[in-house]
């Protein structure tokens, strides 16, 4: 059963300008494993983190570091949840996450489904 759905879109150029203007943002938004990626990949991952929050109902206390996108077998993106997001997901009965990322034409997009 679907317990939550989240989608987010990021303008890559605007995201890049924000990251350049605020260097400390990279460590506040992304895990160590994500930080070395290129701008388009980071923008898509940021969208994924926002989509996770939406799928969980945007509860207070979530951190962008609570959601990490890792590259799985054959390049498939995998969502790993920890911290407050994991607690909220557990309380909602989330057993599995589905994630789709895309970037093209200056836009990065993430779609997240929380399944119970």
C-alpha atoms as a PDB file:
ATOM      1  CA  UNK A   1       0.000   0.000   0.000  1.00  0.00           C
ATOM      2  CA  UNK A   2       1.239   3.499  -0.846  1.00  0.00           C
ATOM      3  CA  UNK A   3       1.608   5.545   2.341  1.00  0.00           C
ATOM      4  CA  UNK A   4       3.095   8.671   0.816  1.00  0.00           C
ATOM      5  CA  UNK A   5       4.172  10.256  -2.447  1.00  0.00           C
ATOM      6  CA  UNK A   6       6.566  13.145  -2.909  1.00  0.00           C
ATOM      7  CA  UNK A   7       7.879  14.947  -5.961  1.00  0.00           C
ATOM      8  CA  UNK A   8      10.248  17.887  -6.277  1.00  0.00           C
ATOM      9  CA  UNK A   9      11.775  19.866  -9.142  1.00  0.00           C
ATOM     10  CA  UNK A  10      15.005  21.877  -8.956  1.00  0.00           C
ATOM     11  CA  UNK A  11      16.308  24.488 -11.397  1.00  0.00           C
ATOM     12  CA  UNK A  12      19.922  23.330 -11.806  1.00  0.00           C
ATOM     13  CA  UNK A  13      21.409  26.764 -12.609  1.00  0.00           C
ATOM     14  CA  UNK A  14      19.721  28.380  -9.609  1.00  0.00           C
ATOM     15  CA  UNK A  15      20.804  25.475  -7.403  1.00  0.00           C
ATOM     16  CA  UNK A  16      24.407  25.817  -8.624  1.00  0.00           C
ATOM     17  CA  UNK A  17      24.414  29.568  -7.945  1.00  0.00           C
ATOM     18  CA  UNK A  18      23.108  28.978  -4.428  1.00  0.00           C
ATOM     19  CA  UNK A  19      25.771  26.337  -3.759  1.00  0.00           C
ATOM     20  CA  UNK A  20      28.524  28.688  -4.993  1.00  0.00           C
ATOM     21  CA  UNK A  21      27.187  31.595  -2.935  1.00  0.00           C
ATOM     22  CA  UNK A  22      26.980  29.491   0.258  1.00  0.00           C
ATOM     23  CA  UNK A  23      29.901  26.997   0.365  1.00  0.00           C
ATOM     24  CA  UNK A  24      28.907  25.508   3.742  1.00  0.00           C
ATOM     25  CA  UNK A  25      25.579  24.429   2.291  1.00  0.00           C
ATOM     26  CA  UNK A  26      27.120  21.339   0.684  1.00  0.00           C
ATOM     27  CA  UNK A  27      27.945  19.786   4.071  1.00  0.00           C
ATOM     28  CA  UNK A  28      24.567  20.762   5.557  1.00  0.00           C
ATOM     29  CA  UNK A  29      22.549  19.234   2.706  1.00  0.00           C
ATOM     30  CA  UNK A  30      24.578  16.224   1.568  1.00  0.00           C
ATOM     31  CA  UNK A  31      26.185  13.221   3.196  1.00  0.00           C
ATOM     32  CA  UNK A  32      29.886  12.576   2.768  1.00  0.00           C
ATOM     33  CA  UNK A  33      29.140  10.021   0.063  1.00  0.00           C
ATOM     34  CA  UNK A  34      27.072  12.512  -1.945  1.00  0.00           C
ATOM     35  CA  UNK A  35      29.258  15.635  -1.687  1.00  0.00           C
ATOM     36  CA  UNK A  36      31.720  14.734  -4.448  1.00  0.00           C
ATOM     37  CA  UNK A  37      29.067  14.428  -7.162  1.00  0.00           C
ATOM     38  CA  UNK A  38      28.499  16.931  -9.950  1.00  0.00           C
ATOM     39  CA  UNK A  39      25.938  19.709  -9.872  1.00  0.00           C
ATOM     40  CA  UNK A  40      23.180  17.925 -11.814  1.00  0.00           C
ATOM     41  CA  UNK A  41      23.449  14.841  -9.608  1.00  0.00           C
ATOM     42  CA  UNK A  42      23.430  16.961  -6.454  1.00  0.00           C
ATOM     43  CA  UNK A  43      20.395  18.886  -7.665  1.00  0.00           C
ATOM     44  CA  UNK A  44      18.538  15.617  -8.285  1.00  0.00           C
ATOM     45  CA  UNK A  45      19.542  14.359  -4.841  1.00  0.00           C
ATOM     46  CA  UNK A  46      18.372  17.593  -3.242  1.00  0.00           C
ATOM     47  CA  UNK A  47      15.039  17.110  -5.011  1.00  0.00           C
ATOM     48  CA  UNK A  48      14.927  13.552  -3.623  1.00  0.00           C
ATOM     49  CA  UNK A  49      15.469  14.805  -0.065  1.00  0.00           C
ATOM     50  CA  UNK A  50      12.645  17.312  -0.488  1.00  0.00           C
ATOM     51  CA  UNK A  51      10.410  14.619  -2.009  1.00  0.00           C
ATOM     52  CA  UNK A  52      11.080  12.341   0.984  1.00  0.00           C
ATOM     53  CA  UNK A  53       9.902  15.088   3.337  1.00  0.00           C
ATOM     54  CA  UNK A  54       6.730  15.496   1.274  1.00  0.00           C
ATOM     55  CA  UNK A  55       6.106  11.740   1.205  1.00  0.00           C
ATOM     56  CA  UNK A  56       6.337  11.734   5.015  1.00  0.00           C
ATOM     57  CA  UNK A  57       3.915  14.644   5.352  1.00  0.00           C
ATOM     58  CA  UNK A  58       6.624  17.269   5.997  1.00  0.00           C
ATOM     59  CA  UNK A  59       6.923  16.678   9.751  1.00  0.00           C
ATOM     60  CA  UNK A  60       9.078  19.087  11.773  1.00  0.00           C
ATOM     61  CA  UNK A  61      12.609  18.123  12.731  1.00  0.00           C
ATOM     62  CA  UNK A  62      13.744  16.453   9.513  1.00  0.00           C
ATOM     63  CA  UNK A  63      17.295  17.005   8.301  1.00  0.00           C
ATOM     64  CA  UNK A  64      18.458  16.821   4.702  1.00  0.00           C
ATOM     65  CA  UNK A  65      21.128  14.435   5.993  1.00  0.00           C
ATOM     66  CA  UNK A  66      18.368  11.994   7.067  1.00  0.00           C
ATOM     67  CA  UNK A  67      17.938  10.979   3.411  1.00  0.00           C
ATOM     68  CA  UNK A  68      20.853   9.747   1.323  1.00  0.00           C
ATOM     69  CA  UNK A  69      20.739   8.683  -2.305  1.00  0.00           C
ATOM     70  CA  UNK A  70      23.229   5.957  -3.149  1.00  0.00           C
ATOM     71  CA  UNK A  71      23.912   4.349  -6.481  1.00  0.00           C
ATOM     72  CA  UNK A  72      22.915   0.708  -6.428  1.00  0.00           C
ATOM     73  CA  UNK A  73      23.546  -2.188  -8.714  1.00  0.00           C
ATOM     74  CA  UNK A  74      23.339  -1.271 -12.421  1.00  0.00           C
ATOM     75  CA  UNK A  75      23.237   2.453 -11.528  1.00  0.00           C
ATOM     76  CA  UNK A  76      19.791   2.402  -9.941  1.00  0.00           C
ATOM     77  CA  UNK A  77      19.365   5.125  -7.282  1.00  0.00           C
ATOM     78  CA  UNK A  78      18.589   3.796  -3.804  1.00  0.00           C
ATOM     79  CA  UNK A  79      17.191   5.758  -0.892  1.00  0.00           C
ATOM     80  CA  UNK A  80      18.660   5.273   2.580  1.00  0.00           C
ATOM     81  CA  UNK A  81      16.764   6.894   5.456  1.00  0.00           C
ATOM     82  CA  UNK A  82      18.080   7.588   8.960  1.00  0.00           C
ATOM     83  CA  UNK A  83      17.510   9.864  11.956  1.00  0.00           C
ATOM     84  CA  UNK A  84      14.188  11.651  12.407  1.00  0.00           C
ATOM     85  CA  UNK A  85      13.025  10.644   8.912  1.00  0.00           C
ATOM     86  CA  UNK A  86      13.522   6.968   9.791  1.00  0.00           C
ATOM     87  CA  UNK A  87      11.548   7.423  13.019  1.00  0.00           C
ATOM     88  CA  UNK A  88       8.657   9.097  11.213  1.00  0.00           C
ATOM     89  CA  UNK A  89       8.716   6.476   8.452  1.00  0.00           C
ATOM     90  CA  UNK A  90       8.651   3.676  11.030  1.00  0.00           C
ATOM     91  CA  UNK A  91       5.693   5.306  12.772  1.00  0.00           C
ATOM     92  CA  UNK A  92       3.812   5.502   9.482  1.00  0.00           C
ATOM     93  CA  UNK A  93       4.604   1.871   8.672  1.00  0.00           C
ATOM     94  CA  UNK A  94       6.912   2.529   5.708  1.00  0.00           C
ATOM     95  CA  UNK A  95       8.612  -0.716   4.717  1.00  0.00           C
ATOM     96  CA  UNK A  96      10.022   0.174   1.305  1.00  0.00           C
ATOM     97  CA  UNK A  97      11.041   3.249  -0.671  1.00  0.00           C
ATOM     98  CA  UNK A  98      10.821   3.793  -4.425  1.00  0.00           C
ATOM     99  CA  UNK A  99      12.889   6.533  -6.039  1.00  0.00           C
ATOM    100  CA  UNK A 100      13.219   7.906  -9.545  1.00  0.00           C
ATOM    101  CA  UNK A 101      15.638  10.704 -10.490  1.00  0.00           C
ATOM    102  CA  UNK A 102      16.028  12.600 -13.734  1.00  0.00           C
ATOM    103  CA  UNK A 103      17.768  15.709 -15.024  1.00  0.00           C
ATOM    104  CA  UNK A 104      17.474  17.321 -18.433  1.00  0.00           C
ATOM    105  CA  UNK A 105      17.058  20.784 -19.906  1.00  0.00           C
ATOM    106  CA  UNK A 106      18.342  22.518 -16.795  1.00  0.00           C
ATOM    107  CA  UNK A 107      15.832  20.808 -14.487  1.00  0.00           C
ATOM    108  CA  UNK A 108      16.398  18.019 -11.936  1.00  0.00           C
ATOM    109  CA  UNK A 109      13.443  15.978 -10.721  1.00  0.00           C
ATOM    110  CA  UNK A 110      12.874  13.360  -8.034  1.00  0.00           C
ATOM    111  CA  UNK A 111       9.833  11.206  -7.395  1.00  0.00           C
ATOM    112  CA  UNK A 112       9.522   9.232  -4.150  1.00  0.00           C
ATOM    113  CA  UNK A 113       6.964   6.651  -3.041  1.00  0.00           C
ATOM    114  CA  UNK A 114       6.788   5.388   0.546  1.00  0.00           C
ATOM    115  CA  UNK A 115       5.283   1.898   0.592  1.00  0.00           C
ATOM    116  CA  UNK A 116       3.888   0.081   3.617  1.00  0.00           C
END
